Amino acid sequence: MKYSDGFTLIELMVTLAVFGIVTALAFPGFKLYQQNSNRVTQINDLVATFNLARSEAVKRNLPVSVCASTDQATCSNVNNWTTGWIVFVDDNQNGVTDATDGNGVFDTGAANEKTLLQAHGRLSGANLVYTDIANGAVAVMFNGRGMPTVFNAAAAKANNATFMRCDDRRKTDANPDANARAVILTASGRTRLSRDSDKNGVQEDATNTNLKCP
């Protein structure tokens, strides 16, 4: 009598059913891990960018600006930092700003060339929001003492900003703001992260107001 090894149809169906159940149970956990990992990475990247710009401004004694950018070559002049950003400084190293400097805008042309220090690409994530909720910042400029000037699209100035990040969990979670996080840029040029001081499950901005995703 001959025997053949292999799965019967019933065994195969049971195996596929178990695989489907395990996959269904594991996928939400993996997705949550991916969302949290992206959040940590993107917030750390923005903090590192501000630290770089501030240290370079002090080291060079020249204004160094960070601005939102869609092409990683020019400023977009839009308060949408999910598109990425660039960091740049005067290339002539003369210790003073040029005639068209001082507005946080990346100038081009032979008379106003800038040294590009960093270009950060578009952020990944579904329904991602990363904006300054304090002053609508499109650019931040650090002077030679490391002090920031925040510019909005109309070139109005401020000295602080709160960059809030939300992802698609705001559309599905029972508490839509529970996963909001923020990078807070202070008037001294230093950054800190948002925190949940009152332990209500939602972190706060610089004014101790709960972060609220759009």
C-alpha atoms as a PDB file:
ATOM      1  CA  MET A   1       0.000   0.000   0.000  1.00  0.00           C
ATOM      2  CA  LYS A   2       1.348   3.429  -0.951  1.00  0.00           C
ATOM      3  CA  TYR A   3       1.008   6.557   1.193  1.00  0.00           C
ATOM      4  CA  SER A   4       1.426  10.149  -0.033  1.00  0.00           C
ATOM      5  CA  ASP A   5       2.469  12.931   2.297  1.00  0.00           C
ATOM      6  CA  GLY A   6       0.829  16.348   2.214  1.00  0.00           C
ATOM      7  CA  PHE A   7      -2.095  18.405   3.497  1.00  0.00           C
ATOM      8  CA  THR A   8      -5.633  17.332   3.089  1.00  0.00           C
ATOM      9  CA  LEU A   9      -8.116  19.938   1.928  1.00  0.00           C
ATOM     10  CA  ILE A  10      -9.562  20.220   5.438  1.00  0.00           C
ATOM     11  CA  GLU A  11      -6.109  20.726   7.001  1.00  0.00           C
ATOM     12  CA  LEU A  12      -5.290  23.404   4.457  1.00  0.00           C
ATOM     13  CA  MET A  13      -8.538  25.233   5.136  1.00  0.00           C
ATOM     14  CA  VAL A  14      -7.938  25.105   8.903  1.00  0.00           C
ATOM     15  CA  THR A  15      -4.386  26.409   8.449  1.00  0.00           C
ATOM     16  CA  LEU A  16      -5.564  29.319   6.308  1.00  0.00           C
ATOM     17  CA  ALA A  17      -8.314  30.143   8.802  1.00  0.00           C
ATOM     18  CA  VAL A  18      -5.840  30.220  11.715  1.00  0.00           C
ATOM     19  CA  PHE A  19      -3.444  32.347   9.663  1.00  0.00           C
ATOM     20  CA  GLY A  20      -6.238  34.796   8.880  1.00  0.00           C
ATOM     21  CA  ILE A  21      -7.231  35.079  12.539  1.00  0.00           C
ATOM     22  CA  VAL A  22      -3.639  35.641  13.704  1.00  0.00           C
ATOM     23  CA  THR A  23      -3.083  38.241  10.995  1.00  0.00           C
ATOM     24  CA  ALA A  24      -6.284  40.080  11.895  1.00  0.00           C
ATOM     25  CA  LEU A  25      -5.257  40.183  15.549  1.00  0.00           C
ATOM     26  CA  ALA A  26      -1.672  41.253  14.851  1.00  0.00           C
ATOM     27  CA  PHE A  27      -2.343  43.966  12.256  1.00  0.00           C
ATOM     28  CA  PRO A  28      -3.828  46.601  14.633  1.00  0.00           C
ATOM     29  CA  GLY A  29      -0.832  46.207  16.943  1.00  0.00           C
ATOM     30  CA  PHE A  30       1.621  46.582  14.084  1.00  0.00           C
ATOM     31  CA  LYS A  31      -0.230  49.622  12.748  1.00  0.00           C
ATOM     32  CA  LEU A  32      -0.171  51.258  16.190  1.00  0.00           C
ATOM     33  CA  TYR A  33       3.554  50.560  16.496  1.00  0.00           C
ATOM     34  CA  GLN A  34       4.161  52.108  13.076  1.00  0.00           C
ATOM     35  CA  GLN A  35       2.096  55.205  13.905  1.00  0.00           C
ATOM     36  CA  ASN A  36       3.899  55.760  17.212  1.00  0.00           C
ATOM     37  CA  SER A  37       7.286  55.149  15.615  1.00  0.00           C
ATOM     38  CA  ASN A  38       6.574  57.698  12.861  1.00  0.00           C
ATOM     39  CA  ARG A  39       5.415  60.227  15.445  1.00  0.00           C
ATOM     40  CA  VAL A  40       8.580  59.902  17.535  1.00  0.00           C
ATOM     41  CA  THR A  41      10.833  60.098  14.472  1.00  0.00           C
ATOM     42  CA  GLN A  42       9.128  63.140  12.960  1.00  0.00           C
ATOM     43  CA  ILE A  43       9.030  65.086  16.206  1.00  0.00           C
ATOM     44  CA  ASN A  44      12.683  64.288  16.912  1.00  0.00           C
ATOM     45  CA  ASP A  45      13.604  65.363  13.385  1.00  0.00           C
ATOM     46  CA  LEU A  46      12.043  68.803  13.840  1.00  0.00           C
ATOM     47  CA  VAL A  47      13.705  69.265  17.244  1.00  0.00           C
ATOM     48  CA  ALA A  48      17.056  68.274  15.740  1.00  0.00           C
ATOM     49  CA  THR A  49      16.518  70.745  12.882  1.00  0.00           C
ATOM     50  CA  PHE A  50      15.888  73.665  15.234  1.00  0.00           C
ATOM     51  CA  ASN A  51      18.902  72.685  17.334  1.00  0.00           C
ATOM     52  CA  LEU A  52      21.053  72.573  14.188  1.00  0.00           C
ATOM     53  CA  ALA A  53      19.838  75.956  12.945  1.00  0.00           C
ATOM     54  CA  ARG A  54      20.363  77.602  16.334  1.00  0.00           C
ATOM     55  CA  SER A  55      23.848  76.183  16.839  1.00  0.00           C
ATOM     56  CA  GLU A  56      24.917  77.139  13.307  1.00  0.00           C
ATOM     57  CA  ALA A  57      23.609  80.686  13.784  1.00  0.00           C
ATOM     58  CA  VAL A  58      25.636  81.066  16.977  1.00  0.00           C
ATOM     59  CA  LYS A  59      28.717  79.420  15.506  1.00  0.00           C
ATOM     60  CA  ARG A  60      28.680  81.527  12.341  1.00  0.00           C
ATOM     61  CA  ASN A  61      27.251  84.665  13.964  1.00  0.00           C
ATOM     62  CA  LEU A  62      24.879  84.837  11.009  1.00  0.00           C
ATOM     63  CA  PRO A  63      21.122  84.475  10.699  1.00  0.00           C
ATOM     64  CA  VAL A  64      20.105  80.890   9.967  1.00  0.00           C
ATOM     65  CA  SER A  65      16.541  80.163   8.901  1.00  0.00           C
ATOM     66  CA  VAL A  66      14.288  77.125   8.824  1.00  0.00           C
ATOM     67  CA  CYS A  67      11.272  77.216   6.550  1.00  0.00           C
ATOM     68  CA  ALA A  68       8.584  74.849   5.308  1.00  0.00           C
ATOM     69  CA  SER A  69       9.360  73.629   1.797  1.00  0.00           C
ATOM     70  CA  THR A  70       7.627  71.516  -0.812  1.00  0.00           C
ATOM     71  CA  ASP A  71      10.649  71.013  -3.073  1.00  0.00           C
ATOM     72  CA  GLN A  72      13.476  71.044  -0.484  1.00  0.00           C
ATOM     73  CA  ALA A  73      15.070  73.917  -2.386  1.00  0.00           C
ATOM     74  CA  THR A  74      12.842  76.944  -1.748  1.00  0.00           C
ATOM     75  CA  CYS A  75      10.415  78.122   0.939  1.00  0.00           C
ATOM     76  CA  SER A  76       6.747  77.367   0.377  1.00  0.00           C
ATOM     77  CA  ASN A  77       5.511  80.289   2.535  1.00  0.00           C
ATOM     78  CA  VAL A  78       2.776  77.989   3.852  1.00  0.00           C
ATOM     79  CA  ASN A  79       2.187  76.824   7.425  1.00  0.00           C
ATOM     80  CA  ASN A  80       2.322  73.165   6.434  1.00  0.00           C
ATOM     81  CA  TRP A  81       5.432  71.425   7.705  1.00  0.00           C
ATOM     82  CA  THR A  82       4.353  67.969   6.533  1.00  0.00           C
ATOM     83  CA  THR A  83       5.814  68.862   3.130  1.00  0.00           C
ATOM     84  CA  GLY A  84       9.288  69.022   4.667  1.00  0.00           C
ATOM     85  CA  TRP A  85      11.664  71.914   5.357  1.00  0.00           C
ATOM     86  CA  ILE A  86      15.056  73.413   4.627  1.00  0.00           C
ATOM     87  CA  VAL A  87      17.757  75.093   6.732  1.00  0.00           C
ATOM     88  CA  PHE A  88      19.937  77.771   5.161  1.00  0.00           C
ATOM     89  CA  VAL A  89      22.433  80.548   5.960  1.00  0.00           C
ATOM     90  CA  ASP A  90      24.095  83.518   4.170  1.00  0.00           C
ATOM     91  CA  ASP A  91      26.872  82.220   1.978  1.00  0.00           C
ATOM     92  CA  ASN A  92      29.032  85.365   2.019  1.00  0.00           C
ATOM     93  CA  GLN A  93      29.771  85.010   5.739  1.00  0.00           C
ATOM     94  CA  ASN A  94      30.072  88.764   6.233  1.00  0.00           C
ATOM     95  CA  GLY A  95      28.517  88.742   9.664  1.00  0.00           C
ATOM     96  CA  VAL A  96      25.527  90.889   8.636  1.00  0.00           C
ATOM     97  CA  THR A  97      22.327  90.180   6.779  1.00  0.00           C
ATOM     98  CA  ASP A  98      21.964  91.167   3.140  1.00  0.00           C
ATOM     99  CA  ALA A  99      19.418  93.746   2.012  1.00  0.00           C
ATOM    100  CA  THR A 100      16.770  91.117   1.336  1.00  0.00           C
ATOM    101  CA  ASP A 101      17.448  89.055   4.426  1.00  0.00           C
ATOM    102  CA  GLY A 102      15.665  89.204   7.736  1.00  0.00           C
ATOM    103  CA  ASN A 103      12.321  87.895   6.546  1.00  0.00           C
ATOM    104  CA  GLY A 104      12.944  84.176   6.889  1.00  0.00           C
ATOM    105  CA  VAL A 105      12.633  83.680   3.125  1.00  0.00           C
ATOM    106  CA  PHE A 106      15.171  81.663   1.160  1.00  0.00           C
ATOM    107  CA  ASP A 107      16.552  84.190  -1.341  1.00  0.00           C
ATOM    108  CA  THR A 108      18.128  83.106  -4.613  1.00  0.00           C
ATOM    109  CA  GLY A 109      20.316  84.790  -7.188  1.00  0.00           C
ATOM    110  CA  ALA A 110      23.997  85.661  -7.318  1.00  0.00           C
ATOM    111  CA  ALA A 111      23.632  88.685  -5.029  1.00  0.00           C
ATOM    112  CA  ASN A 112      21.853  86.748  -2.301  1.00  0.00           C
ATOM    113  CA  GLU A 113      23.130  83.210  -2.446  1.00  0.00           C
ATOM    114  CA  LYS A 114      22.537  81.065   0.611  1.00  0.00           C
ATOM    115  CA  THR A 115      24.260  77.993   1.940  1.00  0.00           C
ATOM    116  CA  LEU A 116      21.803  75.137   2.284  1.00  0.00           C
ATOM    117  CA  LEU A 117      22.563  73.284   5.512  1.00  0.00           C
ATOM    118  CA  GLN A 118      19.776  70.742   5.539  1.00  0.00           C
ATOM    119  CA  ALA A 119      16.869  69.575   3.414  1.00  0.00           C
ATOM    120  CA  HIS A 120      14.232  67.338   4.992  1.00  0.00           C
ATOM    121  CA  GLY A 121      11.786  65.536   2.733  1.00  0.00           C
ATOM    122  CA  ARG A 122       8.027  65.148   2.999  1.00  0.00           C
ATOM    123  CA  LEU A 123       6.790  63.378   6.108  1.00  0.00           C
ATOM    124  CA  SER A 124       5.092  60.009   5.710  1.00  0.00           C
ATOM    125  CA  GLY A 125       1.768  59.125   7.300  1.00  0.00           C
ATOM    126  CA  ALA A 126      -1.926  59.089   6.515  1.00  0.00           C
ATOM    127  CA  ASN A 127      -3.870  62.322   7.012  1.00  0.00           C
ATOM    128  CA  LEU A 128      -0.854  63.889   8.691  1.00  0.00           C
ATOM    129  CA  VAL A 129      -1.026  67.433  10.084  1.00  0.00           C
ATOM    130  CA  TYR A 130       2.104  69.292  11.261  1.00  0.00           C
ATOM    131  CA  THR A 131       1.537  73.037  11.706  1.00  0.00           C
ATOM    132  CA  ASP A 132       2.359  75.911  14.034  1.00  0.00           C
ATOM    133  CA  ILE A 133      -0.807  76.542  16.021  1.00  0.00           C
ATOM    134  CA  ALA A 134       0.614  79.566  17.869  1.00  0.00           C
ATOM    135  CA  ASN A 135       1.496  81.996  15.082  1.00  0.00           C
ATOM    136  CA  GLY A 136       1.044  80.176  11.772  1.00  0.00           C
ATOM    137  CA  ALA A 137       4.790  79.952  11.180  1.00  0.00           C
ATOM    138  CA  VAL A 138       6.118  79.527   7.669  1.00  0.00           C
ATOM    139  CA  ALA A 139       9.715  80.177   8.757  1.00  0.00           C
ATOM    140  CA  VAL A 140      11.872  80.568  11.855  1.00  0.00           C
ATOM    141  CA  MET A 141      15.083  82.585  11.837  1.00  0.00           C
ATOM    142  CA  PHE A 142      17.757  82.359  14.549  1.00  0.00           C
ATOM    143  CA  ASN A 143      20.150  85.267  15.036  1.00  0.00           C
ATOM    144  CA  GLY A 144      23.787  85.080  16.101  1.00  0.00           C
ATOM    145  CA  ARG A 145      22.745  84.851  19.758  1.00  0.00           C
ATOM    146  CA  GLY A 146      20.436  81.926  19.082  1.00  0.00           C
ATOM    147  CA  MET A 147      17.239  83.933  19.551  1.00  0.00           C
ATOM    148  CA  PRO A 148      14.360  83.063  17.198  1.00  0.00           C
ATOM    149  CA  THR A 149      12.088  85.205  15.065  1.00  0.00           C
ATOM    150  CA  VAL A 150       8.976  83.449  13.808  1.00  0.00           C
ATOM    151  CA  PHE A 151       7.388  84.629  10.560  1.00  0.00           C
ATOM    152  CA  ASN A 152       3.904  83.898   9.267  1.00  0.00           C
ATOM    153  CA  ALA A 153       2.821  84.097   5.622  1.00  0.00           C
ATOM    154  CA  ALA A 154       2.219  87.848   5.940  1.00  0.00           C
ATOM    155  CA  ALA A 155       5.739  88.349   7.389  1.00  0.00           C
ATOM    156  CA  ALA A 156       4.316  89.249  10.819  1.00  0.00           C
ATOM    157  CA  LYS A 157       6.851  88.464  13.542  1.00  0.00           C
ATOM    158  CA  ALA A 158       6.639  86.524  16.806  1.00  0.00           C
ATOM    159  CA  ASN A 159       9.218  84.958  19.100  1.00  0.00           C
ATOM    160  CA  ASN A 160       7.659  81.556  19.804  1.00  0.00           C
ATOM    161  CA  ALA A 161       5.851  78.729  18.055  1.00  0.00           C
ATOM    162  CA  THR A 162       4.052  75.464  18.828  1.00  0.00           C
ATOM    163  CA  PHE A 163       4.346  72.867  16.078  1.00  0.00           C
ATOM    164  CA  MET A 164       1.530  70.364  16.593  1.00  0.00           C
ATOM    165  CA  ARG A 165       1.488  66.957  14.961  1.00  0.00           C
ATOM    166  CA  CYS A 166      -1.679  64.882  14.448  1.00  0.00           C
ATOM    167  CA  ASP A 167      -2.226  61.746  12.375  1.00  0.00           C
ATOM    168  CA  ASP A 168      -5.264  59.844  11.130  1.00  0.00           C
ATOM    169  CA  ARG A 169      -6.085  58.552  14.611  1.00  0.00           C
ATOM    170  CA  ARG A 170      -7.896  61.844  15.190  1.00  0.00           C
ATOM    171  CA  LYS A 171     -10.550  60.557  12.789  1.00  0.00           C
ATOM    172  CA  THR A 172     -11.048  57.179  14.471  1.00  0.00           C
ATOM    173  CA  ASP A 173     -10.160  57.393  18.178  1.00  0.00           C
ATOM    174  CA  ALA A 174     -12.767  58.039  20.845  1.00  0.00           C
ATOM    175  CA  ASN A 175     -10.507  60.860  22.068  1.00  0.00           C
ATOM    176  CA  PRO A 176      -9.362  62.485  18.793  1.00  0.00           C
ATOM    177  CA  ASP A 177      -6.694  64.595  20.514  1.00  0.00           C
ATOM    178  CA  ALA A 178      -5.091  61.884  22.651  1.00  0.00           C
ATOM    179  CA  ASN A 179      -2.292  61.262  20.145  1.00  0.00           C
ATOM    180  CA  ALA A 180      -1.533  64.916  19.379  1.00  0.00           C
ATOM    181  CA  ARG A 181       2.025  65.977  20.199  1.00  0.00           C
ATOM    182  CA  ALA A 182       3.817  69.302  19.868  1.00  0.00           C
ATOM    183  CA  VAL A 183       7.289  70.790  19.622  1.00  0.00           C
ATOM    184  CA  ILE A 184       7.308  74.075  21.537  1.00  0.00           C
ATOM    185  CA  LEU A 185       9.864  76.669  20.459  1.00  0.00           C
ATOM    186  CA  THR A 186      10.440  79.209  23.243  1.00  0.00           C
ATOM    187  CA  ALA A 187      11.555  82.834  23.025  1.00  0.00           C
ATOM    188  CA  SER A 188      15.048  81.780  24.127  1.00  0.00           C
ATOM    189  CA  GLY A 189      15.405  79.572  21.052  1.00  0.00           C
ATOM    190  CA  ARG A 190      15.227  76.331  22.998  1.00  0.00           C
ATOM    191  CA  THR A 191      12.661  73.624  22.343  1.00  0.00           C
ATOM    192  CA  ARG A 192      10.617  71.423  24.614  1.00  0.00           C
ATOM    193  CA  LEU A 193       7.946  68.817  24.033  1.00  0.00           C
ATOM    194  CA  SER A 194       4.295  69.108  24.976  1.00  0.00           C
ATOM    195  CA  ARG A 195       3.157  67.287  28.103  1.00  0.00           C
ATOM    196  CA  ASP A 196      -0.025  66.221  29.829  1.00  0.00           C
ATOM    197  CA  SER A 197       0.296  68.237  33.035  1.00  0.00           C
ATOM    198  CA  ASP A 198      -3.259  67.716  34.248  1.00  0.00           C
ATOM    199  CA  LYS A 199      -3.279  63.983  33.398  1.00  0.00           C
ATOM    200  CA  ASN A 200      -6.482  64.201  31.363  1.00  0.00           C
ATOM    201  CA  GLY A 201      -5.139  62.193  28.441  1.00  0.00           C
ATOM    202  CA  VAL A 202      -4.419  65.211  26.194  1.00  0.00           C
ATOM    203  CA  GLN A 203      -1.130  67.084  26.102  1.00  0.00           C
ATOM    204  CA  GLU A 204      -0.924  70.897  26.324  1.00  0.00           C
ATOM    205  CA  ASP A 205       0.718  73.680  24.349  1.00  0.00           C
ATOM    206  CA  ALA A 206       2.917  76.473  25.750  1.00  0.00           C
ATOM    207  CA  THR A 207      -0.111  78.194  27.325  1.00  0.00           C
ATOM    208  CA  ASN A 208      -1.252  74.961  29.044  1.00  0.00           C
ATOM    209  CA  THR A 209      -4.176  74.696  26.633  1.00  0.00           C
ATOM    210  CA  ASN A 210      -5.087  71.204  25.458  1.00  0.00           C
ATOM    211  CA  LEU A 211      -3.843  70.393  21.968  1.00  0.00           C
ATOM    212  CA  LYS A 212      -6.730  70.094  19.534  1.00  0.00           C
ATOM    213  CA  CYS A 213      -6.392  68.339  16.201  1.00  0.00           C
ATOM    214  CA  PRO A 214      -8.263  69.867  13.242  1.00  0.00           C
END
